[in-house]
N, C-alpha and C. Protein backbone atom coordinates (compact mmCIF):
# COMPACT_ATOMS: atom_id res chain seq x y z
N MET A 1 74.12 171.74 66.30
CA MET A 1 74.05 170.54 65.48
C MET A 1 72.89 169.69 65.97
N HIS A 2 72.11 169.16 65.04
CA HIS A 2 70.96 168.34 65.40
C HIS A 2 71.36 166.87 65.44
N GLN A 3 70.77 166.18 66.37
CA GLN A 3 70.95 164.74 66.44
C GLN A 3 69.62 164.09 66.13
N ASN A 4 69.65 163.13 65.24
CA ASN A 4 68.45 162.41 64.90
C ASN A 4 68.63 160.95 65.26
N GLN A 5 67.58 160.38 65.75
CA GLN A 5 67.62 158.96 66.07
C GLN A 5 66.67 158.25 65.11
N ILE A 6 67.18 157.26 64.44
CA ILE A 6 66.37 156.50 63.50
C ILE A 6 66.15 155.12 64.09
N ILE A 7 64.91 154.72 64.13
CA ILE A 7 64.56 153.40 64.65
C ILE A 7 63.84 152.64 63.55
N ALA A 8 64.33 151.47 63.25
CA ALA A 8 63.69 150.62 62.25
C ALA A 8 62.84 149.59 62.97
N SER A 9 61.65 149.40 62.48
CA SER A 9 60.80 148.37 63.07
C SER A 9 60.09 147.63 61.96
N SER A 10 59.75 146.41 62.25
CA SER A 10 59.07 145.58 61.27
C SER A 10 58.25 144.54 62.01
N ASP A 11 57.14 144.16 61.40
CA ASP A 11 56.34 143.08 61.97
C ASP A 11 56.91 141.72 61.61
N THR A 12 57.73 141.71 60.58
CA THR A 12 58.36 140.46 60.17
C THR A 12 59.86 140.69 60.02
N TRP A 13 60.62 139.73 60.45
CA TRP A 13 62.08 139.77 60.32
C TRP A 13 62.51 138.55 59.56
N TRP A 14 63.46 138.74 58.68
CA TRP A 14 64.01 137.61 57.96
C TRP A 14 65.10 136.98 58.81
N LEU A 15 64.86 135.78 59.22
CA LEU A 15 65.85 135.03 59.97
C LEU A 15 66.26 133.84 59.12
N PRO A 16 67.47 133.86 58.61
CA PRO A 16 67.89 132.76 57.74
C PRO A 16 67.91 131.44 58.49
N LYS A 17 67.61 130.40 57.76
CA LYS A 17 67.59 129.06 58.35
C LYS A 17 68.59 128.17 57.60
N THR A 18 69.06 127.20 58.31
CA THR A 18 69.97 126.23 57.71
C THR A 18 69.45 124.84 58.03
N ALA A 19 69.66 123.93 57.11
CA ALA A 19 69.22 122.56 57.32
C ALA A 19 70.26 121.72 58.06
N MET A 20 71.46 122.26 58.20
CA MET A 20 72.53 121.49 58.84
C MET A 20 72.56 121.73 60.35
N ILE A 21 72.83 120.68 61.08
CA ILE A 21 73.00 120.78 62.53
C ILE A 21 74.37 121.39 62.81
N ASN A 22 74.45 122.27 63.79
CA ASN A 22 75.70 122.93 64.20
C ASN A 22 76.30 123.79 63.09
N ASP A 23 75.47 124.26 62.17
CA ASP A 23 75.97 125.16 61.14
C ASP A 23 76.28 126.51 61.80
N LEU A 24 77.14 127.26 61.21
CA LEU A 24 77.57 128.54 61.77
C LEU A 24 77.54 129.59 60.66
N ALA A 25 77.10 130.79 61.01
CA ALA A 25 77.15 131.88 60.05
C ALA A 25 78.61 132.18 59.72
N ILE A 26 78.87 132.46 58.46
CA ILE A 26 80.24 132.71 58.01
C ILE A 26 80.86 133.86 58.78
N MET A 27 80.14 134.95 58.93
CA MET A 27 80.71 136.11 59.62
C MET A 27 80.93 135.81 61.11
N ASP A 28 80.10 134.99 61.71
CA ASP A 28 80.34 134.59 63.10
C ASP A 28 81.66 133.81 63.19
N ALA A 29 81.90 132.94 62.21
CA ALA A 29 83.17 132.19 62.18
C ALA A 29 84.34 133.15 62.00
N PHE A 30 84.18 134.16 61.16
CA PHE A 30 85.25 135.13 60.95
C PHE A 30 85.50 135.95 62.21
N ILE A 31 84.46 136.31 62.93
CA ILE A 31 84.61 137.06 64.18
C ILE A 31 85.35 136.21 65.22
N LEU A 32 84.98 134.95 65.33
CA LEU A 32 85.69 134.05 66.25
C LEU A 32 87.16 133.93 65.85
N GLY A 33 87.40 133.82 64.53
CA GLY A 33 88.77 133.74 64.03
C GLY A 33 89.55 135.02 64.31
N LYS A 34 88.89 136.15 64.18
CA LYS A 34 89.55 137.43 64.46
C LYS A 34 90.03 137.48 65.91
N LYS A 35 89.18 137.01 66.82
CA LYS A 35 89.56 136.99 68.24
C LYS A 35 90.69 136.02 68.49
N ARG A 36 90.62 134.84 67.85
CA ARG A 36 91.63 133.80 68.06
C ARG A 36 92.99 134.22 67.49
N LEU A 37 92.97 134.93 66.37
CA LEU A 37 94.23 135.29 65.69
C LEU A 37 94.78 136.65 66.10
N GLN A 38 94.09 137.34 67.00
CA GLN A 38 94.54 138.66 67.43
C GLN A 38 95.97 138.58 67.98
N GLY A 39 96.81 139.50 67.53
CA GLY A 39 98.19 139.54 68.00
C GLY A 39 99.14 138.63 67.25
N THR A 40 98.63 137.95 66.21
CA THR A 40 99.48 137.08 65.41
C THR A 40 99.68 137.71 64.03
N PRO A 41 100.62 137.22 63.24
CA PRO A 41 100.81 137.76 61.89
C PRO A 41 99.58 137.55 60.99
N SER A 42 98.72 136.61 61.32
CA SER A 42 97.52 136.33 60.51
C SER A 42 96.29 137.10 60.98
N ALA A 43 96.45 138.03 61.91
CA ALA A 43 95.32 138.76 62.48
C ALA A 43 94.52 139.48 61.40
N PHE A 44 93.21 139.62 61.64
CA PHE A 44 92.31 140.29 60.71
C PHE A 44 92.10 141.74 61.15
N SER A 45 92.28 142.66 60.24
CA SER A 45 91.96 144.07 60.53
C SER A 45 90.46 144.30 60.27
N ASP A 46 89.95 145.44 60.72
CA ASP A 46 88.56 145.78 60.45
C ASP A 46 88.30 145.90 58.95
N THR A 47 89.26 146.44 58.22
CA THR A 47 89.12 146.56 56.77
C THR A 47 89.04 145.19 56.12
N MET A 48 89.86 144.28 56.60
CA MET A 48 89.82 142.92 56.05
C MET A 48 88.47 142.26 56.32
N MET A 49 87.92 142.50 57.50
CA MET A 49 86.60 141.94 57.84
C MET A 49 85.53 142.52 56.92
N LYS A 50 85.58 143.83 56.70
CA LYS A 50 84.60 144.47 55.81
C LYS A 50 84.72 143.93 54.39
N ASN A 51 85.94 143.77 53.92
CA ASN A 51 86.14 143.24 52.57
C ASN A 51 85.65 141.80 52.46
N ALA A 52 85.93 140.98 53.45
CA ALA A 52 85.47 139.60 53.44
C ALA A 52 83.94 139.55 53.46
N ASN A 53 83.33 140.43 54.22
CA ASN A 53 81.87 140.48 54.26
C ASN A 53 81.30 140.93 52.92
N SER A 54 81.96 141.85 52.25
CA SER A 54 81.51 142.28 50.92
C SER A 54 81.52 141.11 49.94
N VAL A 55 82.55 140.30 50.00
CA VAL A 55 82.62 139.13 49.13
C VAL A 55 81.52 138.14 49.51
N ARG A 56 81.31 137.94 50.80
CA ARG A 56 80.24 137.03 51.25
C ARG A 56 78.89 137.49 50.71
N LEU A 57 78.63 138.78 50.79
CA LEU A 57 77.37 139.31 50.25
C LEU A 57 77.29 139.12 48.74
N TYR A 58 78.40 139.36 48.06
CA TYR A 58 78.44 139.15 46.60
C TYR A 58 78.14 137.69 46.27
N LEU A 59 78.68 136.77 47.05
CA LEU A 59 78.47 135.34 46.82
C LEU A 59 77.06 134.89 47.21
N ARG A 60 76.36 135.74 47.96
CA ARG A 60 74.99 135.44 48.43
C ARG A 60 74.97 134.20 49.31
N CYS A 61 75.86 134.19 50.27
CA CYS A 61 75.91 133.06 51.20
C CYS A 61 75.91 133.58 52.63
N THR A 62 75.31 132.81 53.51
CA THR A 62 75.18 133.20 54.92
C THR A 62 75.91 132.22 55.82
N PHE A 63 75.68 130.94 55.59
CA PHE A 63 76.21 129.91 56.47
C PHE A 63 77.39 129.18 55.84
N ILE A 64 78.18 128.56 56.68
CA ILE A 64 79.30 127.76 56.20
C ILE A 64 78.79 126.68 55.25
N SER A 65 77.63 126.10 55.55
CA SER A 65 77.08 125.06 54.68
C SER A 65 76.82 125.57 53.27
N ASP A 66 76.61 126.87 53.11
CA ASP A 66 76.35 127.45 51.79
C ASP A 66 77.58 127.36 50.88
N ILE A 67 78.76 127.27 51.47
CA ILE A 67 79.98 127.29 50.66
C ILE A 67 80.76 125.97 50.73
N LEU A 68 80.12 124.93 51.26
CA LEU A 68 80.78 123.63 51.32
C LEU A 68 80.72 122.93 49.97
N GLY A 69 81.74 122.15 49.71
CA GLY A 69 81.76 121.33 48.50
C GLY A 69 80.82 120.15 48.63
N SER A 70 80.76 119.34 47.61
CA SER A 70 79.83 118.20 47.60
C SER A 70 80.14 117.18 48.69
N ASP A 71 81.38 117.14 49.18
CA ASP A 71 81.74 116.21 50.25
C ASP A 71 81.27 116.70 51.62
N LYS A 72 80.78 117.94 51.68
CA LYS A 72 80.29 118.57 52.92
C LYS A 72 81.37 118.68 54.00
N CYS A 73 82.63 118.56 53.60
CA CYS A 73 83.74 118.65 54.55
C CYS A 73 84.76 119.72 54.17
N SER A 74 84.72 120.18 52.94
CA SER A 74 85.69 121.17 52.50
C SER A 74 84.98 122.33 51.79
N ILE A 75 85.66 123.44 51.70
CA ILE A 75 85.11 124.62 51.04
C ILE A 75 85.12 124.39 49.54
N ALA A 76 84.00 124.67 48.89
CA ALA A 76 83.89 124.51 47.44
C ALA A 76 84.87 125.44 46.74
N GLY A 77 85.42 124.97 45.63
CA GLY A 77 86.39 125.77 44.88
C GLY A 77 85.85 127.12 44.45
N TRP A 78 84.58 127.16 44.00
CA TRP A 78 83.99 128.43 43.56
C TRP A 78 83.93 129.43 44.71
N ALA A 79 83.66 128.93 45.93
CA ALA A 79 83.55 129.82 47.10
C ALA A 79 84.92 130.32 47.52
N ALA A 80 85.90 129.43 47.51
CA ALA A 80 87.26 129.84 47.88
C ALA A 80 87.81 130.86 46.89
N ALA A 81 87.40 130.75 45.63
CA ALA A 81 87.89 131.66 44.59
C ALA A 81 87.09 132.96 44.52
N GLY A 82 85.97 133.03 45.22
CA GLY A 82 85.19 134.26 45.24
C GLY A 82 84.13 134.39 44.16
N GLY A 83 83.63 133.27 43.67
CA GLY A 83 82.50 133.40 42.75
C GLY A 83 82.48 132.32 41.70
N PRO A 84 81.42 132.32 40.95
CA PRO A 84 80.32 133.27 40.84
C PRO A 84 79.32 133.10 41.98
N PRO A 85 78.42 134.10 42.15
CA PRO A 85 77.48 134.06 43.26
C PRO A 85 76.46 132.93 43.13
N LEU A 86 75.96 132.51 44.28
CA LEU A 86 74.88 131.52 44.32
C LEU A 86 73.61 132.12 43.72
N GLN A 87 72.81 131.28 43.15
CA GLN A 87 71.49 131.70 42.68
C GLN A 87 70.46 131.05 43.59
N GLY A 88 69.67 131.84 44.25
CA GLY A 88 68.68 131.29 45.16
C GLY A 88 67.49 132.22 45.30
N SER A 89 66.60 131.86 46.19
CA SER A 89 65.39 132.64 46.36
C SER A 89 65.56 133.80 47.34
N GLU A 90 66.63 133.78 48.12
CA GLU A 90 66.86 134.85 49.08
C GLU A 90 67.24 136.13 48.36
N THR A 91 66.88 137.25 48.96
CA THR A 91 67.24 138.55 48.42
C THR A 91 68.39 139.11 49.23
N TYR A 92 69.47 139.41 48.55
CA TYR A 92 70.65 140.00 49.18
C TYR A 92 70.81 141.43 48.67
N PRO A 93 71.51 142.27 49.41
CA PRO A 93 71.76 143.63 48.91
C PRO A 93 72.54 143.57 47.60
N ALA A 94 72.27 144.53 46.74
CA ALA A 94 73.03 144.61 45.48
C ALA A 94 74.51 144.79 45.83
N GLN A 95 75.34 144.00 45.24
CA GLN A 95 76.76 144.03 45.56
C GLN A 95 77.55 143.95 44.26
N THR A 96 78.43 144.89 44.07
CA THR A 96 79.27 144.86 42.88
C THR A 96 80.30 143.73 43.01
N PRO A 97 80.81 143.25 41.90
CA PRO A 97 81.84 142.22 41.99
C PRO A 97 83.02 142.72 42.84
N PRO A 98 83.59 141.83 43.64
CA PRO A 98 84.67 142.24 44.53
C PRO A 98 85.94 142.62 43.78
N THR A 99 86.69 143.51 44.40
CA THR A 99 88.00 143.88 43.87
C THR A 99 89.00 142.77 44.18
N GLU A 100 90.15 142.86 43.56
CA GLU A 100 91.20 141.87 43.83
C GLU A 100 91.58 141.87 45.31
N ARG A 101 91.65 143.05 45.92
CA ARG A 101 92.00 143.15 47.34
C ARG A 101 90.93 142.49 48.22
N MET A 102 89.67 142.71 47.90
CA MET A 102 88.58 142.07 48.65
C MET A 102 88.69 140.54 48.55
N LEU A 103 88.98 140.06 47.35
CA LEU A 103 89.14 138.62 47.16
C LEU A 103 90.32 138.08 47.95
N GLN A 104 91.40 138.84 48.01
CA GLN A 104 92.55 138.41 48.81
C GLN A 104 92.16 138.28 50.28
N HIS A 105 91.41 139.26 50.79
CA HIS A 105 90.98 139.20 52.19
C HIS A 105 90.01 138.05 52.42
N TRP A 106 89.09 137.81 51.49
CA TRP A 106 88.16 136.69 51.59
C TRP A 106 88.95 135.37 51.65
N CYS A 107 89.87 135.20 50.73
CA CYS A 107 90.67 133.96 50.69
C CYS A 107 91.47 133.78 51.97
N HIS A 108 92.02 134.88 52.48
CA HIS A 108 92.77 134.82 53.74
C HIS A 108 91.87 134.36 54.88
N HIS A 109 90.68 134.91 54.96
CA HIS A 109 89.74 134.54 56.02
C HIS A 109 89.32 133.08 55.88
N VAL A 110 88.95 132.70 54.68
CA VAL A 110 88.50 131.32 54.45
C VAL A 110 89.62 130.33 54.81
N SER A 111 90.82 130.60 54.35
CA SER A 111 91.91 129.67 54.63
C SER A 111 92.34 129.69 56.10
N SER A 112 92.22 130.83 56.78
CA SER A 112 92.63 130.93 58.18
C SER A 112 91.60 130.35 59.14
N VAL A 113 90.34 130.44 58.77
CA VAL A 113 89.28 130.10 59.73
C VAL A 113 88.50 128.86 59.34
N LEU A 114 88.20 128.71 58.06
CA LEU A 114 87.27 127.66 57.65
C LEU A 114 87.92 126.41 57.10
N THR A 115 89.23 126.40 56.96
CA THR A 115 89.90 125.19 56.49
C THR A 115 90.84 124.68 57.57
N THR A 116 91.10 123.42 57.53
CA THR A 116 91.98 122.82 58.53
C THR A 116 93.22 122.25 57.88
């Protein structure tokens, strides 16, 4: 059996920026939540994390600030409900609309980690 190693290189890397101080990437918040909730009934499985990330990609959002409501203190209703996606200048991978199960996992993550 052959083993191949693939190395990707680029002279330029896209590093997303946020205008908010102390903003956090959504998936970083979910990873912290996964660690915090481990061993509890609300724990996140790897499948749940993948599904939540699929919804995040569909929504075309990276940072928590991307999904905040106009008060900048709570999650916007469209984001909590899983759509429609943001329209912006950034290019995201093509993502099909999420399934009902993916939306359930997204809502679980958002309510467990990003709301108080």
